[in-house]
């Protein structure tokens, strides 16, 4: 079980000195778990269609080159939304034909690079289509599959910031705005090279039924375009990603199989072989397989409530600290040797090291009473947590380590990203130019 592997990895992280007094935070990735999620995704869609499917991992969810390489070897491509993410995917060896470029703010240089590499591009708006018109006229042709992102305006989920199909979303062309649908159809008829349609309704907090509703609307739009064109101009539908993650237990729900079956029931034409598919899942592939470990530096009491002060806070769990209601984290307690902590549950706070009062991973959380030298584990943090460092108080980035558990119970670690040094922080902060502002600018 994943929880058993996690317990073995925590103990091994202590024994192998990944977590020490000088490196009091470490992030772990369960390689077997990641591979299992990738396999489950591929199998879920293979069960409902024989059509080609590109599962493009949303790089923003975990922009670490070894992770992208692992996922590519597991059969996935990459969805990128910036020059940096494209560079990471290429560094991981993901070939251009398995990369999709999405962004609401692509520059001409980004578009030129994608077209030169024959990378698939989903345009966001009419102005971007006009840029593509100009670039294609200058270069003659491209091998890049080109599409357009549309917003079905079906509404949001429980987290506004992650709901991308609302009436006023910044993404794509709003289909329900007056005259918009007809303009989209005309845009395709005027551009035979537009062969894809893309949508993405959001991620965490968006129910499966709402996601499926958005995809159904885009499928119906593809049918309308093809009927107007008198041919199968749109040959691929990019349904985005956004499968929600269960952050309350070790259970991985909802599953890819449940989602694929619901899609097949509600939008059967999507799977009858006429359309190729692209998916862009991110959080759901990685979240359950990451753990942040932090030593308890001090254990104290304030207002009769115990507080465990650790070195993991806003710099690794930014969303949880600033929006704890939307992003609560499960916390597991271990003793100083990395063994599951025993004892009666006591309500206590788990605090980070940053210099503001709200830097808390958990508030009034029932756990065995934490003591100095114990270890707290922030669970389900494999996506959007330790890979997205927030440099509050110039806190260093933790080391990230992938782990595998051998048949004999031993644990092998591989360094994904080494711990950041204080010297690197100084260099990034202009340490090589201390007198830069003392001269005549």
Protein backbone atom coordinates (compact mmCIF):
# COMPACT_ATOMS: atom_id res chain seq x y z
CA UNK A 1 0.00 0.00 0.00
CA UNK A 2 1.04 3.58 -0.65
CA UNK A 3 0.86 4.41 3.07
CA UNK A 4 3.19 1.51 3.89
CA UNK A 5 5.69 2.70 1.28
CA UNK A 6 5.46 6.18 2.72
CA UNK A 7 6.21 4.97 6.25
CA UNK A 8 9.21 3.01 4.98
CA UNK A 9 10.45 6.04 3.08
CA UNK A 10 10.19 8.35 6.09
CA UNK A 11 12.23 5.97 8.23
CA UNK A 12 14.78 5.58 5.44
CA UNK A 13 15.00 9.35 4.93
CA UNK A 14 16.10 9.67 8.55
CA UNK A 15 18.47 6.70 8.39
CA UNK A 16 20.05 7.92 5.14
CA UNK A 17 20.41 11.51 6.42
CA UNK A 18 18.13 13.20 3.89
CA UNK A 19 16.49 14.93 6.83
CA UNK A 20 19.00 16.41 9.27
CA UNK A 21 19.57 19.36 11.53
CA UNK A 22 21.10 21.28 8.65
CA UNK A 23 18.53 20.06 6.10
CA UNK A 24 15.35 20.07 8.20
CA UNK A 25 12.95 19.81 5.23
CA UNK A 26 12.88 17.14 2.51
CA UNK A 27 10.32 16.30 -0.14
CA UNK A 28 9.69 12.71 -1.24
CA UNK A 29 8.10 11.33 -4.42
CA UNK A 30 6.80 7.77 -4.63
CA UNK A 31 7.99 6.52 -8.04
CA UNK A 32 5.82 3.40 -7.96
CA UNK A 33 2.76 5.49 -7.17
CA UNK A 34 3.43 7.89 -10.05
CA UNK A 35 3.84 5.01 -12.48
CA UNK A 36 0.61 3.45 -11.23
CA UNK A 37 -1.34 6.69 -11.77
CA UNK A 38 0.02 7.07 -15.30
CA UNK A 39 -0.94 3.47 -16.08
CA UNK A 40 -4.42 3.97 -14.63
CA UNK A 41 -4.98 7.04 -16.80
CA UNK A 42 -3.93 5.29 -19.99
CA UNK A 43 -5.97 2.18 -19.19
CA UNK A 44 -9.11 4.20 -18.38
CA UNK A 45 -9.27 5.78 -21.81
CA UNK A 46 -8.12 2.64 -23.62
CA UNK A 47 -11.16 0.91 -22.14
CA UNK A 48 -13.59 3.31 -23.84
CA UNK A 49 -11.92 4.14 -27.16
CA UNK A 50 -9.60 2.77 -29.82
CA UNK A 51 -8.95 6.29 -31.10
CA UNK A 52 -5.50 7.80 -30.55
CA UNK A 53 -5.16 9.62 -27.21
CA UNK A 54 -2.29 11.88 -26.19
CA UNK A 55 -2.16 12.23 -22.43
CA UNK A 56 -0.17 15.44 -21.99
CA UNK A 57 0.88 16.00 -18.37
CA UNK A 58 0.29 19.59 -17.24
CA UNK A 59 3.88 20.62 -16.50
CA UNK A 60 2.76 23.42 -14.18
CA UNK A 61 1.67 20.76 -11.67
CA UNK A 62 5.25 19.57 -11.08
CA UNK A 63 7.90 21.34 -13.19
CA UNK A 64 10.80 19.02 -12.41
CA UNK A 65 12.71 17.48 -15.30
CA UNK A 66 13.16 13.97 -13.79
CA UNK A 67 9.41 13.82 -13.09
CA UNK A 68 8.61 14.77 -16.68
CA UNK A 69 11.06 12.15 -17.88
CA UNK A 70 9.46 9.48 -15.68
CA UNK A 71 6.01 10.34 -17.00
CA UNK A 72 7.23 10.33 -20.60
CA UNK A 73 8.72 6.87 -20.10
CA UNK A 74 5.31 5.90 -18.67
CA UNK A 75 3.62 6.91 -21.93
CA UNK A 76 2.66 10.55 -21.32
CA UNK A 77 3.48 13.75 -23.16
CA UNK A 78 3.56 17.31 -21.85
CA UNK A 79 1.23 20.30 -21.81
CA UNK A 80 3.24 23.51 -21.46
CA UNK A 81 2.16 27.11 -20.87
CA UNK A 82 5.39 29.12 -21.00
CA UNK A 83 8.86 29.12 -22.58
CA UNK A 84 10.23 27.76 -19.31
CA UNK A 85 7.83 24.82 -19.24
CA UNK A 86 8.59 24.06 -22.89
CA UNK A 87 12.30 24.06 -22.08
CA UNK A 88 11.72 21.67 -19.18
CA UNK A 89 9.73 19.27 -21.35
CA UNK A 90 12.42 19.29 -24.02
CA UNK A 91 15.14 18.78 -21.39
CA UNK A 92 13.20 15.72 -20.23
CA UNK A 93 13.33 14.30 -23.76
CA UNK A 94 9.65 14.75 -24.59
CA UNK A 95 9.47 14.89 -28.42
CA UNK A 96 7.65 17.83 -30.09
CA UNK A 97 4.83 15.64 -31.36
CA UNK A 98 3.91 14.84 -27.75
CA UNK A 99 3.90 18.46 -26.55
CA UNK A 100 0.95 20.87 -26.51
CA UNK A 101 1.39 24.61 -25.97
CA UNK A 102 -1.40 26.38 -24.08
CA UNK A 103 -1.25 29.90 -22.65
CA UNK A 104 -3.51 32.94 -22.72
CA UNK A 105 -0.53 35.24 -23.37
CA UNK A 106 1.76 33.70 -25.99
CA UNK A 107 4.26 36.10 -27.53
CA UNK A 108 5.16 36.07 -31.24
CA UNK A 109 8.51 34.52 -30.27
CA UNK A 110 6.77 31.66 -28.43
CA UNK A 111 4.52 31.01 -31.41
CA UNK A 112 7.43 31.07 -33.85
CA UNK A 113 9.34 28.57 -31.73
CA UNK A 114 6.36 26.23 -31.48
CA UNK A 115 5.72 26.38 -35.22
CA UNK A 116 9.39 25.76 -35.99
CA UNK A 117 9.36 22.69 -33.74
CA UNK A 118 5.99 21.43 -35.06
CA UNK A 119 4.51 21.57 -31.56
CA UNK A 120 0.71 21.60 -31.23
CA UNK A 121 -0.69 25.01 -30.34
CA UNK A 122 -4.09 25.95 -28.92
CA UNK A 123 -4.75 29.61 -29.71
CA UNK A 124 -6.58 31.52 -27.00
CA UNK A 125 -8.32 34.37 -28.83
CA UNK A 126 -8.93 36.11 -32.19
CA UNK A 127 -5.83 38.29 -31.84
CA UNK A 128 -3.69 35.18 -31.45
CA UNK A 129 -5.34 33.69 -34.54
CA UNK A 130 -4.36 36.85 -36.40
CA UNK A 131 -0.78 36.39 -35.26
CA UNK A 132 -0.85 32.83 -36.53
CA UNK A 133 -2.23 34.08 -39.86
CA UNK A 134 0.78 36.37 -40.19
CA UNK A 135 3.32 33.75 -39.14
CA UNK A 136 1.90 31.10 -41.45
CA UNK A 137 1.81 33.53 -44.36
CA UNK A 138 5.48 34.31 -43.77
CA UNK A 139 6.61 30.70 -43.40
CA UNK A 140 4.29 29.00 -45.86
CA UNK A 141 3.22 26.04 -43.73
CA UNK A 142 3.82 24.23 -40.46
CA UNK A 143 3.61 20.71 -39.14
CA UNK A 144 2.08 21.99 -35.91
CA UNK A 145 -1.48 20.84 -35.22
CA UNK A 146 -3.35 24.08 -34.54
CA UNK A 147 -6.53 24.62 -32.56
CA UNK A 148 -8.58 27.15 -30.65
CA UNK A 149 -9.55 27.24 -26.99
CA UNK A 150 -13.17 27.97 -26.25
CA UNK A 151 -14.89 28.67 -22.96
CA UNK A 152 -18.30 26.96 -22.74
CA UNK A 153 -19.23 29.28 -19.84
CA UNK A 154 -20.85 26.49 -17.85
CA UNK A 155 -20.03 27.92 -14.42
CA UNK A 156 -17.53 27.33 -11.65
CA UNK A 157 -16.78 24.92 -8.86
CA UNK A 158 -16.07 25.52 -5.19
CA UNK A 159 -12.72 27.28 -5.77
CA UNK A 160 -13.20 30.43 -7.84
CA UNK A 161 -9.53 30.79 -8.71
CA UNK A 162 -9.46 27.37 -10.36
CA UNK A 163 -12.75 27.62 -12.26
CA UNK A 164 -11.86 28.41 -15.86
CA UNK A 165 -15.26 28.07 -17.56
CA UNK A 166 -17.11 30.89 -15.81
CA UNK A 167 -18.93 33.67 -17.64
CA UNK A 168 -15.95 36.04 -17.32
CA UNK A 169 -13.01 33.63 -17.42
CA UNK A 170 -9.83 35.01 -18.96
CA UNK A 171 -9.33 31.80 -20.96
CA UNK A 172 -10.45 31.12 -24.52
CA UNK A 173 -13.33 32.50 -26.55
CA UNK A 174 -16.55 32.78 -24.55
CA UNK A 175 -19.04 30.71 -26.54
CA UNK A 176 -22.21 32.16 -25.03
CA UNK A 177 -21.32 35.78 -25.64
CA UNK A 178 -23.51 37.30 -28.35
CA UNK A 179 -22.39 36.20 -31.80
CA UNK A 180 -19.32 34.36 -30.49
CA UNK A 181 -20.29 30.88 -31.60
CA UNK A 182 -20.93 31.96 -35.17
CA UNK A 183 -17.61 33.82 -35.23
CA UNK A 184 -15.81 30.69 -34.07
CA UNK A 185 -17.39 28.61 -36.82
CA UNK A 186 -16.45 31.26 -39.39
CA UNK A 187 -12.88 31.37 -38.05
CA UNK A 188 -12.55 27.67 -38.81
CA UNK A 189 -14.10 27.94 -42.25
CA UNK A 190 -11.63 30.71 -43.10
CA UNK A 191 -8.67 28.71 -41.83
CA UNK A 192 -8.51 25.13 -43.12
CA UNK A 193 -5.40 24.62 -40.97
CA UNK A 194 -7.45 24.88 -37.75
CA UNK A 195 -8.03 21.21 -36.94
CA UNK A 196 -8.40 21.09 -33.16
CA UNK A 197 -10.78 22.34 -30.48
CA UNK A 198 -9.71 22.81 -26.87
CA UNK A 199 -11.50 23.39 -23.58
CA UNK A 200 -10.71 23.12 -19.89
CA UNK A 201 -13.37 23.72 -17.26
CA UNK A 202 -11.15 23.89 -14.19
CA UNK A 203 -9.62 21.52 -11.70
CA UNK A 204 -9.90 21.13 -7.93
CA UNK A 205 -13.42 21.90 -6.75
CA UNK A 206 -15.06 21.31 -10.14
CA UNK A 207 -17.41 18.27 -10.10
CA UNK A 208 -17.09 15.62 -12.80
CA UNK A 209 -20.57 16.29 -14.13
CA UNK A 210 -19.75 19.94 -14.78
CA UNK A 211 -16.51 19.00 -16.53
CA UNK A 212 -18.39 16.58 -18.75
CA UNK A 213 -20.99 19.23 -19.58
CA UNK A 214 -18.25 21.52 -20.85
CA UNK A 215 -16.69 18.78 -22.96
CA UNK A 216 -20.09 17.89 -24.43
CA UNK A 217 -20.61 21.48 -25.54
CA UNK A 218 -17.23 21.54 -27.27
CA UNK A 219 -17.93 18.20 -28.95
CA UNK A 220 -21.19 19.62 -30.29
CA UNK A 221 -19.29 22.67 -31.56
CA UNK A 222 -16.85 20.39 -33.40
CA UNK A 223 -19.77 18.64 -35.04
CA UNK A 224 -21.22 22.01 -36.07
CA UNK A 225 -17.93 23.17 -37.57
CA UNK A 226 -17.46 19.96 -39.50
CA UNK A 227 -21.02 20.10 -40.83
CA UNK A 228 -20.50 23.68 -41.98
CA UNK A 229 -17.19 22.78 -43.60
CA UNK A 230 -18.65 19.72 -45.29
CA UNK A 231 -15.67 17.67 -44.16
CA UNK A 232 -13.95 16.48 -40.99
CA UNK A 233 -11.94 19.65 -40.46
CA UNK A 234 -11.80 19.30 -36.67
CA UNK A 235 -10.13 15.94 -36.16
CA UNK A 236 -8.93 16.26 -32.56
CA UNK A 237 -10.59 17.48 -29.36
CA UNK A 238 -8.44 18.52 -26.42
CA UNK A 239 -10.58 17.95 -23.31
CA UNK A 240 -8.10 19.45 -20.84
CA UNK A 241 -7.63 17.89 -17.44
CA UNK A 242 -8.65 18.90 -13.97
CA UNK A 243 -9.64 15.65 -12.27
CA UNK A 244 -10.22 16.62 -8.61
CA UNK A 245 -8.11 15.03 -5.89
CA UNK A 246 -9.36 13.64 -2.59
CA UNK A 247 -7.33 15.42 0.10
CA UNK A 248 -9.12 13.77 3.04
CA UNK A 249 -7.70 10.22 2.94
CA UNK A 250 -5.35 7.89 1.09
CA UNK A 251 -8.18 6.87 -1.26
CA UNK A 252 -7.61 7.97 -4.85
CA UNK A 253 -11.06 9.21 -5.80
CA UNK A 254 -12.54 10.01 -8.21
CA UNK A 255 -10.73 7.65 -10.55
CA UNK A 256 -9.79 8.08 -14.19
CA UNK A 257 -11.94 5.04 -14.99
CA UNK A 258 -15.02 6.69 -13.44
CA UNK A 259 -14.40 9.86 -15.41
CA UNK A 260 -13.81 8.05 -18.72
CA UNK A 261 -16.97 5.96 -18.27
CA UNK A 262 -19.01 9.08 -17.52
CA UNK A 263 -17.65 10.77 -20.63
CA UNK A 264 -18.42 7.69 -22.74
CA UNK A 265 -22.00 7.67 -21.42
CA UNK A 266 -22.69 11.39 -21.83
CA UNK A 267 -20.61 12.13 -24.96
CA UNK A 268 -20.43 8.81 -26.86
CA UNK A 269 -19.48 10.47 -30.14
CA UNK A 270 -16.21 11.52 -28.56
CA UNK A 271 -15.11 7.88 -28.54
CA UNK A 272 -16.47 6.48 -31.80
CA UNK A 273 -13.16 6.83 -33.62
CA UNK A 274 -13.85 10.05 -35.54
CA UNK A 275 -11.81 12.23 -33.20
CA UNK A 276 -8.38 11.97 -31.74
CA UNK A 277 -8.19 13.04 -28.08
CA UNK A 278 -5.79 15.04 -25.94
CA UNK A 279 -5.95 15.18 -22.14
CA UNK A 280 -4.05 17.54 -19.84
CA UNK A 281 -4.17 16.06 -16.34
CA UNK A 282 -1.74 17.33 -13.72
CA UNK A 283 -2.58 17.37 -10.01
CA UNK A 284 -4.37 14.02 -10.10
CA UNK A 285 -1.28 12.24 -11.42
CA UNK A 286 1.12 13.53 -8.75
CA UNK A 287 -0.62 14.83 -5.63
CA UNK A 288 -1.03 11.55 -3.77
CA UNK A 289 2.57 10.54 -4.38
CA UNK A 290 4.36 13.44 -2.70
CA UNK A 291 5.21 14.05 0.96
CA UNK A 292 6.95 16.98 2.64
CA UNK A 293 8.93 16.05 5.75
CA UNK A 294 9.99 18.62 8.34
CA UNK A 295 11.65 18.35 11.72
CA UNK A 296 10.00 19.94 14.72
CA UNK A 297 12.48 22.60 15.78
CA UNK A 298 10.57 23.65 18.88
CA UNK A 299 7.46 22.50 20.71
CA UNK A 300 5.73 25.21 22.72
CA UNK A 301 2.36 26.24 24.12
CA UNK A 302 0.43 29.45 23.58
CA UNK A 303 -3.03 30.11 24.99
CA UNK A 304 -3.02 26.54 26.30
CA UNK A 305 -2.66 25.19 22.74
CA UNK A 306 0.43 23.17 21.79
CA UNK A 307 2.34 24.46 18.77
CA UNK A 308 4.91 22.48 16.82
CA UNK A 309 7.24 24.92 15.07
CA UNK A 310 8.74 23.35 11.95
CA UNK A 311 10.74 24.45 8.90
CA UNK A 312 7.93 23.70 6.42
CA UNK A 313 5.44 26.48 5.90
CA UNK A 314 4.46 29.02 3.31
CA UNK A 315 7.55 28.41 1.18
CA UNK A 316 6.40 24.86 0.32
CA UNK A 317 2.65 25.05 0.98
CA UNK A 318 1.70 28.52 -0.22
CA UNK A 319 -1.88 27.74 -1.14
CA UNK A 320 -2.59 25.99 2.16
CA UNK A 321 -1.19 28.84 4.22
CA UNK A 322 -3.04 31.60 2.38
CA UNK A 323 -6.27 29.69 1.67
CA UNK A 324 -6.52 26.87 4.22
CA UNK A 325 -10.25 26.37 3.71
CA UNK A 326 -9.74 25.44 0.06
CA UNK A 327 -6.43 23.62 0.50
CA UNK A 328 -6.35 21.73 3.82
CA UNK A 329 -3.46 19.30 4.17
CA UNK A 330 -3.39 15.99 5.97
CA UNK A 331 -0.59 15.84 8.51
CA UNK A 332 1.06 12.64 9.76
CA UNK A 333 3.28 12.52 12.83
CA UNK A 334 6.54 10.55 13.17
CA UNK A 335 9.07 10.33 15.96
CA UNK A 336 12.69 11.42 15.65
CA UNK A 337 13.67 8.07 14.14
CA UNK A 338 11.01 8.27 11.46
CA UNK A 339 8.58 5.81 13.06
CA UNK A 340 4.83 6.59 13.17
CA UNK A 341 4.23 8.60 16.34
CA UNK A 342 2.15 6.90 19.01
CA UNK A 343 -0.02 8.39 21.72
CA UNK A 344 -3.41 9.99 22.28
CA UNK A 345 -4.50 12.69 19.84
CA UNK A 346 -4.09 16.24 21.12
CA UNK A 347 -5.36 19.36 19.34
CA UNK A 348 -2.31 21.35 18.27
CA UNK A 349 -1.05 23.75 15.59
CA UNK A 350 1.66 22.87 13.09
CA UNK A 351 3.53 26.05 12.24
CA UNK A 352 6.09 27.01 9.63
CA UNK A 353 9.20 29.19 10.01
CA UNK A 354 8.07 32.35 8.19
CA UNK A 355 7.72 35.62 10.04
CA UNK A 356 3.98 36.12 9.99
CA UNK A 357 1.31 34.68 12.25
CA UNK A 358 -0.63 32.88 9.55
CA UNK A 359 2.24 30.61 8.50
CA UNK A 360 0.46 27.45 9.63
CA UNK A 361 0.14 24.05 7.95
CA UNK A 362 -2.63 22.98 10.32
CA UNK A 363 -4.65 24.57 13.11
CA UNK A 364 -6.06 22.73 16.11
CA UNK A 365 -5.25 19.41 14.43
CA UNK A 366 -5.64 16.23 16.56
CA UNK A 367 -2.26 14.45 16.48
CA UNK A 368 -0.05 12.59 18.95
CA UNK A 369 1.62 15.35 20.93
CA UNK A 370 4.60 16.54 18.89
CA UNK A 371 7.92 17.07 20.61
CA UNK A 372 11.19 18.71 19.67
CA UNK A 373 13.00 16.51 17.14
CA UNK A 374 9.86 14.74 15.90
CA UNK A 375 8.91 14.80 12.21
CA UNK A 376 5.75 16.06 10.61
CA UNK A 377 4.71 14.87 7.17
CA UNK A 378 2.49 16.99 4.94
CA UNK A 379 0.71 14.45 2.74
CA UNK A 380 -0.71 14.68 -0.80
CA UNK A 381 1.84 17.35 -1.73
CA UNK A 382 3.22 15.87 -4.95
CA UNK A 383 1.63 18.58 -7.13
CA UNK A 384 1.75 22.36 -6.72
CA UNK A 385 3.62 22.21 -3.43
CA UNK A 386 7.37 21.70 -3.04
CA UNK A 387 8.07 22.20 -6.75
CA UNK A 388 6.68 25.77 -6.57
CA UNK A 389 8.94 27.48 -4.07
CA UNK A 390 7.80 30.75 -2.52
CA UNK A 391 10.89 32.62 -1.35
CA UNK A 392 9.43 34.26 1.76
CA UNK A 393 12.17 35.19 4.28
CA UNK A 394 14.72 33.92 1.72
CA UNK A 395 14.01 30.37 2.87
CA UNK A 396 15.86 27.73 0.88
CA UNK A 397 14.17 25.27 -1.47
CA UNK A 398 14.10 21.75 -0.03
CA UNK A 399 15.74 18.80 -1.70
CA UNK A 400 13.37 16.57 -3.66
CA UNK A 401 13.98 12.82 -3.72
CA UNK A 402 12.24 10.08 -5.60
CA UNK A 403 12.06 6.76 -3.81
CA UNK A 404 11.43 3.12 -4.59
CA UNK A 405 10.92 0.32 -2.08
CA UNK A 406 12.68 -2.92 -3.00
CA UNK A 407 11.27 -6.38 -2.39
CA UNK A 408 13.49 -6.77 0.67
CA UNK A 409 12.00 -3.62 2.20
CA UNK A 410 15.02 -1.44 1.61
CA UNK A 411 14.46 2.04 0.18
CA UNK A 412 16.46 3.59 -2.62
CA UNK A 413 16.45 7.37 -3.10
CA UNK A 414 17.33 9.33 -6.22
CA UNK A 415 17.94 13.07 -6.13
CA UNK A 416 15.38 14.91 -8.26
CA UNK A 417 16.48 18.38 -7.17
CA UNK A 418 19.24 19.01 -4.60
CA UNK A 419 18.61 21.30 -1.64
CA UNK A 420 19.20 24.95 -2.40
CA UNK A 421 22.18 26.52 -0.66
CA UNK A 422 22.35 29.88 1.08
CA UNK A 423 25.08 30.86 -1.40
CA UNK A 424 22.63 30.28 -4.25
CA UNK A 425 20.10 32.54 -2.55
CA UNK A 426 22.71 35.29 -2.27
CA UNK A 427 23.65 34.90 -5.93
CA UNK A 428 20.00 35.06 -7.05
CA UNK A 429 19.51 38.18 -4.93
CA UNK A 430 22.20 40.11 -6.80
CA UNK A 431 25.05 39.10 -4.54
CA UNK A 432 27.51 39.48 -7.40
CA UNK A 433 26.58 43.15 -7.83
CA UNK A 434 26.47 44.67 -4.33
CA UNK A 435 27.49 48.15 -5.50
CA UNK A 436 25.14 48.27 -8.50
CA UNK A 437 22.94 51.02 -7.03
CA UNK A 438 25.80 53.10 -5.68
CA UNK A 439 26.98 54.07 -9.15
CA UNK A 440 25.41 56.54 -11.57
CA UNK A 441 22.58 54.49 -13.07
